[in-house]
Amino acid sequence: MGTLEFFYRQVPFGCRFERATGMRDPLSSPTLLFENEIAVDVGGECNGYAGCTSMIFDHHFVRDWNFPSAAAA
């Protein structure tokens, strides 16, 4: 079985992602979120809520219910 590698990157406070197709190129804009990426605890959005289709999981936004943490999201 092959090795699965994980990488992480930090984005500035208040970052709003734009959905992008394909795999991340290291030279791409930090605000593009590619198919091989998941954003956690950023952007004030959550996949499946209010039309968000990007893989963003955050718990810092107002709604009728809330996750206790980004990990729970």
Protein backbone atom coordinates (compact mmCIF):
# COMPACT_ATOMS: atom_id res chain seq x y z
CA MET A 1 0.00 0.00 0.00
CA GLY A 2 1.35 3.44 -0.91
CA THR A 3 2.05 6.28 1.45
CA LEU A 4 -0.59 8.95 1.81
CA GLU A 5 0.92 12.39 2.36
CA PHE A 6 -0.85 15.32 4.00
CA PHE A 7 0.12 18.95 3.73
CA TYR A 8 -1.34 21.99 5.38
CA ARG A 9 -1.21 25.70 4.72
CA GLN A 10 -2.38 28.72 6.59
CA VAL A 11 -4.47 31.46 5.05
CA PRO A 12 -5.05 35.01 6.29
CA PHE A 13 -7.85 35.85 8.71
CA GLY A 14 -11.11 36.43 6.84
CA CYS A 15 -10.08 34.42 3.78
CA ARG A 16 -12.94 33.70 1.35
CA PHE A 17 -12.28 30.76 -0.94
CA GLU A 18 -13.19 30.41 -4.58
CA ARG A 19 -13.85 26.87 -5.81
CA ALA A 20 -11.30 25.58 -8.33
CA THR A 21 -11.19 22.38 -10.38
CA GLY A 22 -8.24 20.01 -10.51
CA MET A 23 -5.33 19.64 -8.12
CA ARG A 24 -3.54 22.47 -6.32
CA ASP A 25 -0.55 23.97 -8.03
CA PRO A 26 1.83 25.49 -5.46
CA LEU A 27 1.85 28.71 -7.51
CA SER A 28 -1.95 29.10 -7.37
CA SER A 29 -3.65 31.88 -5.45
CA PRO A 30 -4.10 31.02 -1.76
CA THR A 31 -7.80 31.88 -2.04
CA LEU A 32 -8.49 29.09 -4.54
CA LEU A 33 -9.75 25.83 -2.99
CA PHE A 34 -9.04 22.84 -5.23
CA GLU A 35 -10.67 19.41 -5.46
CA ASN A 36 -7.87 17.81 -3.44
CA GLU A 37 -8.22 20.25 -0.52
CA ILE A 38 -10.39 20.59 2.56
CA ALA A 39 -10.60 23.87 4.49
CA VAL A 40 -11.17 23.66 8.23
CA ASP A 41 -12.06 26.50 10.57
CA VAL A 42 -11.88 29.21 7.92
CA GLY A 43 -14.20 31.39 5.91
CA GLY A 44 -17.28 31.29 8.10
CA GLU A 45 -18.90 28.75 5.77
CA CYS A 46 -19.75 25.06 6.00
CA ASN A 47 -20.27 22.49 3.25
CA GLY A 48 -23.96 21.74 2.81
CA TYR A 49 -25.19 24.86 4.59
CA ALA A 50 -26.69 27.88 2.80
CA GLY A 51 -25.63 26.63 -0.62
CA CYS A 52 -21.94 26.09 0.18
CA THR A 53 -20.59 23.32 -2.07
CA SER A 54 -16.88 23.77 -1.34
CA MET A 55 -15.18 21.44 1.13
CA ILE A 56 -15.16 24.04 3.92
CA PHE A 57 -15.94 23.05 7.50
CA ASP A 58 -16.17 25.93 9.95
CA HIS A 59 -18.09 26.53 13.13
CA HIS A 60 -17.72 30.32 13.33
CA PHE A 61 -20.93 31.53 11.75
CA VAL A 62 -24.49 32.14 12.89
CA ARG A 63 -27.25 29.59 12.26
CA ASP A 64 -30.00 27.81 14.17
CA TRP A 65 -27.53 25.21 15.50
CA ASN A 66 -23.76 25.15 15.70
CA PHE A 67 -20.85 22.72 15.90
CA PRO A 68 -18.83 22.97 19.14
CA SER A 69 -15.55 22.96 17.16
CA ALA A 70 -14.15 22.76 13.65
CA ALA A 71 -13.14 19.14 14.31
CA ALA A 72 -16.77 18.27 15.08
CA ALA A 73 -17.87 19.95 11.83
